[in-house]
């Protein structure tokens, strides 16, 4: 599970995110852009 905390303080949990996707996000120049293009819509999520 990947937990993402936004500047607003909201936390979302993305399920079944593979380790390689997490590693790519860590090294991405823009975490927000990576999240929008590679994670949102591709993985189930819930607001924590």
C-alpha atoms as a PDB file:
ATOM      1  CA  UNK A   1       0.000   0.000   0.000  1.00  0.00           C
ATOM      2  CA  UNK A   2       1.231   3.474  -0.868  1.00  0.00           C
ATOM      3  CA  UNK A   3       0.114   6.278   1.446  1.00  0.00           C
ATOM      4  CA  UNK A   4       0.257   9.802   0.058  1.00  0.00           C
ATOM      5  CA  UNK A   5      -0.205  12.918   2.169  1.00  0.00           C
ATOM      6  CA  UNK A   6      -1.142  16.033   0.242  1.00  0.00           C
ATOM      7  CA  UNK A   7      -0.294  19.600   1.240  1.00  0.00           C
ATOM      8  CA  UNK A   8      -3.897  20.004   2.396  1.00  0.00           C
ATOM      9  CA  UNK A   9      -3.265  17.283   4.970  1.00  0.00           C
ATOM     10  CA  UNK A  10      -5.517  14.733   3.263  1.00  0.00           C
ATOM     11  CA  UNK A  11      -4.089  11.223   3.140  1.00  0.00           C
ATOM     12  CA  UNK A  12      -4.934   8.700   0.446  1.00  0.00           C
ATOM     13  CA  UNK A  13      -3.946   5.057   0.407  1.00  0.00           C
ATOM     14  CA  UNK A  14      -3.327   3.399  -2.971  1.00  0.00           C
ATOM     15  CA  UNK A  15      -3.574  -0.390  -2.908  1.00  0.00           C
ATOM     16  CA  UNK A  16      -1.425  -2.999  -4.659  1.00  0.00           C
ATOM     17  CA  UNK A  17       1.138  -0.487  -5.920  1.00  0.00           C
ATOM     18  CA  UNK A  18       4.190  -2.521  -6.973  1.00  0.00           C
ATOM     19  CA  UNK A  19       7.539  -1.733  -5.391  1.00  0.00           C
ATOM     20  CA  UNK A  20       9.031  -0.692  -8.746  1.00  0.00           C
ATOM     21  CA  UNK A  21       6.289   1.951  -9.182  1.00  0.00           C
ATOM     22  CA  UNK A  22       6.995   3.252  -5.679  1.00  0.00           C
ATOM     23  CA  UNK A  23      10.716   3.427  -6.475  1.00  0.00           C
ATOM     24  CA  UNK A  24       9.970   5.340  -9.684  1.00  0.00           C
ATOM     25  CA  UNK A  25       7.825   7.799  -7.748  1.00  0.00           C
ATOM     26  CA  UNK A  26      10.614   8.401  -5.223  1.00  0.00           C
ATOM     27  CA  UNK A  27      13.009   9.408  -8.008  1.00  0.00           C
ATOM     28  CA  UNK A  28      10.505  11.339 -10.140  1.00  0.00           C
ATOM     29  CA  UNK A  29      11.282  15.042 -10.567  1.00  0.00           C
ATOM     30  CA  UNK A  30       7.608  15.836  -9.832  1.00  0.00           C
ATOM     31  CA  UNK A  31       5.859  13.539  -7.366  1.00  0.00           C
ATOM     32  CA  UNK A  32       2.470  15.099  -8.146  1.00  0.00           C
ATOM     33  CA  UNK A  33       2.843  14.639 -11.878  1.00  0.00           C
ATOM     34  CA  UNK A  34       3.966  11.042 -11.424  1.00  0.00           C
ATOM     35  CA  UNK A  35       1.005  10.373  -9.143  1.00  0.00           C
ATOM     36  CA  UNK A  36      -1.414  11.879 -11.667  1.00  0.00           C
ATOM     37  CA  UNK A  37      -0.004  10.014 -14.665  1.00  0.00           C
ATOM     38  CA  UNK A  38       1.014   6.655 -13.220  1.00  0.00           C
ATOM     39  CA  UNK A  39      -1.002   5.950 -10.086  1.00  0.00           C
ATOM     40  CA  UNK A  40      -4.350   7.753 -10.135  1.00  0.00           C
ATOM     41  CA  UNK A  41      -6.830   5.708 -12.115  1.00  0.00           C
ATOM     42  CA  UNK A  42      -4.524   2.685 -12.186  1.00  0.00           C
ATOM     43  CA  UNK A  43      -4.852   1.534  -8.561  1.00  0.00           C
ATOM     44  CA  UNK A  44      -7.689   1.259  -6.062  1.00  0.00           C
ATOM     45  CA  UNK A  45      -7.574   3.885  -3.356  1.00  0.00           C
ATOM     46  CA  UNK A  46      -9.310   5.136  -0.243  1.00  0.00           C
ATOM     47  CA  UNK A  47      -9.087   8.299   1.763  1.00  0.00           C
ATOM     48  CA  UNK A  48      -7.526   7.555   5.124  1.00  0.00           C
END
